Amino acid sequence: MVISDNGAKFENVVTVSLLRHVYSLRDYKGINASLQYVRTRDKKEIDFCIARDGGIEFLVEAKKGHADVSAALKYFHEKYDLKAFQVVQNLKRERMEGRIAVRNAVQFLKGLSV
């Protein structure tokens, strides 16, 4: 149970929203999609990965207040040329950092399939 860790609570909200997105793709559109995470042997890790038809559609790193793009997200985005989002709960202004979108969590989650 997550009692006082607001970062973990935020990550749980993102998890449920992405899972709902995946179920929507499966149930309403018949798309083979799943929610995963990505981790290398040397411990580089991304919070979420939406896989679709056997490939990675996009990566998501969830942060409560850090607008700086995570090193792991940069690594996977650059190495594998994957679409990537850093979703921040308390973000005042959205921006692009290279081709990585730094998005306000509410706006990003609103854009997912229901």
Protein backbone atom coordinates (compact mmCIF):
# COMPACT_ATOMS: atom_id res chain seq x y z
CA MET A 1 0.00 0.00 0.00
CA VAL A 2 1.26 3.48 -0.88
CA ILE A 3 0.50 5.75 2.06
CA SER A 4 2.64 8.87 1.87
CA ASP A 5 4.81 8.53 -1.24
CA ASN A 6 3.21 11.01 -3.64
CA GLY A 7 5.61 10.02 -6.42
CA ALA A 8 4.49 6.39 -6.17
CA LYS A 9 0.83 7.45 -6.09
CA PHE A 10 1.35 9.50 -9.24
CA GLU A 11 3.08 6.58 -10.97
CA ASN A 12 0.12 4.37 -10.02
CA VAL A 13 -2.30 6.83 -11.66
CA VAL A 14 -0.21 6.77 -14.83
CA THR A 15 -0.09 2.96 -14.70
CA VAL A 16 -3.86 2.63 -14.47
CA SER A 17 -4.39 5.18 -17.25
CA LEU A 18 -1.94 3.45 -19.60
CA LEU A 19 -3.47 0.06 -18.79
CA ARG A 20 -6.91 1.47 -19.61
CA HIS A 21 -5.46 2.74 -22.91
CA VAL A 22 -4.10 -0.72 -23.72
CA TYR A 23 -7.42 -2.42 -22.88
CA SER A 24 -9.21 0.10 -25.09
CA LEU A 25 -6.90 -0.69 -28.00
CA ARG A 26 -7.50 -4.41 -27.48
CA ASP A 27 -11.22 -4.41 -26.79
CA TYR A 28 -12.51 -1.67 -29.08
CA LYS A 29 -10.00 -1.71 -31.92
CA GLY A 30 -8.80 -5.31 -31.93
CA ILE A 31 -5.15 -4.25 -31.68
CA ASN A 32 -2.65 -6.56 -30.02
CA ALA A 33 -1.27 -4.17 -27.38
CA SER A 34 0.32 -4.54 -23.95
CA LEU A 35 1.78 -2.47 -21.14
CA GLN A 36 5.39 -3.32 -20.30
CA TYR A 37 8.47 -1.78 -18.80
CA VAL A 38 11.98 -1.79 -20.20
CA ARG A 39 15.12 -2.65 -18.25
CA THR A 40 18.65 -3.55 -19.32
CA ARG A 41 21.10 -5.80 -17.52
CA ASP A 42 23.00 -2.73 -16.38
CA LYS A 43 19.83 -1.37 -14.69
CA LYS A 44 18.74 1.30 -17.18
CA GLU A 45 14.98 1.34 -16.80
CA ILE A 46 11.92 3.04 -18.25
CA ASP A 47 8.67 3.12 -16.27
CA PHE A 48 6.34 2.20 -19.13
CA CYS A 49 6.39 0.86 -22.63
CA ILE A 50 3.34 0.46 -24.84
CA ALA A 51 3.93 -2.52 -27.10
CA ARG A 52 1.76 -2.97 -30.16
CA ASP A 53 1.77 -5.88 -32.61
CA GLY A 54 5.15 -7.12 -31.36
CA GLY A 55 6.94 -3.75 -31.48
CA ILE A 56 7.33 -0.80 -29.15
CA GLU A 57 4.92 2.02 -29.95
CA PHE A 58 6.18 4.49 -27.33
CA LEU A 59 8.00 4.88 -24.01
CA VAL A 60 6.77 6.81 -20.98
CA GLU A 61 8.74 8.00 -17.98
CA ALA A 62 6.56 9.38 -15.16
CA LYS A 63 7.88 12.09 -12.84
CA LYS A 64 6.05 13.97 -10.13
CA GLY A 65 8.00 17.21 -10.44
CA HIS A 66 11.20 16.68 -12.41
CA ALA A 67 11.01 18.27 -15.84
CA ASP A 68 14.56 17.22 -16.78
CA VAL A 69 14.42 14.27 -19.17
CA SER A 70 15.73 11.13 -17.52
CA ALA A 71 19.01 9.69 -18.73
CA ALA A 72 17.44 6.26 -19.28
CA LEU A 73 14.67 7.74 -21.46
CA LYS A 74 17.27 9.57 -23.55
CA TYR A 75 19.30 6.36 -23.86
CA PHE A 76 16.44 4.19 -25.13
CA HIS A 77 15.05 6.92 -27.36
CA GLU A 78 18.38 7.55 -29.03
CA LYS A 79 19.64 3.96 -29.24
CA TYR A 80 16.43 2.45 -30.64
CA ASP A 81 14.82 5.53 -32.23
CA LEU A 82 11.64 5.11 -30.18
CA LYS A 83 8.88 7.65 -29.60
CA ALA A 84 9.27 8.88 -26.02
CA PHE A 85 7.38 10.97 -23.48
CA GLN A 86 8.36 12.26 -20.08
CA VAL A 87 5.08 12.82 -18.26
CA VAL A 88 5.33 15.29 -15.37
CA GLN A 89 2.60 15.88 -12.82
CA ASN A 90 3.52 19.44 -11.90
CA LEU A 91 4.67 20.81 -15.25
CA LYS A 92 3.88 24.41 -16.07
CA ARG A 93 4.96 24.42 -19.72
CA GLU A 94 5.19 21.52 -22.14
CA ARG A 95 8.16 21.33 -24.49
CA MET A 96 10.21 19.16 -26.79
CA GLU A 97 13.72 18.19 -25.79
CA GLY A 98 15.11 17.00 -29.07
CA ARG A 99 12.40 14.57 -30.17
CA ILE A 100 11.36 13.65 -26.62
CA ALA A 101 8.09 15.28 -25.56
CA VAL A 102 7.96 16.60 -22.00
CA ARG A 103 4.24 16.66 -21.29
CA ASN A 104 1.90 17.76 -18.54
CA ALA A 105 0.42 14.58 -17.10
CA VAL A 106 -3.21 15.69 -17.29
CA GLN A 107 -2.91 16.68 -20.94
CA PHE A 108 -1.00 13.51 -21.87
CA LEU A 109 -3.44 11.20 -20.08
CA LYS A 110 -6.46 12.96 -21.64
CA GLY A 111 -5.05 12.08 -25.07
CA LEU A 112 -5.01 8.33 -24.46
CA SER A 113 -7.72 5.98 -25.72
CA VAL A 114 -10.51 5.45 -23.22
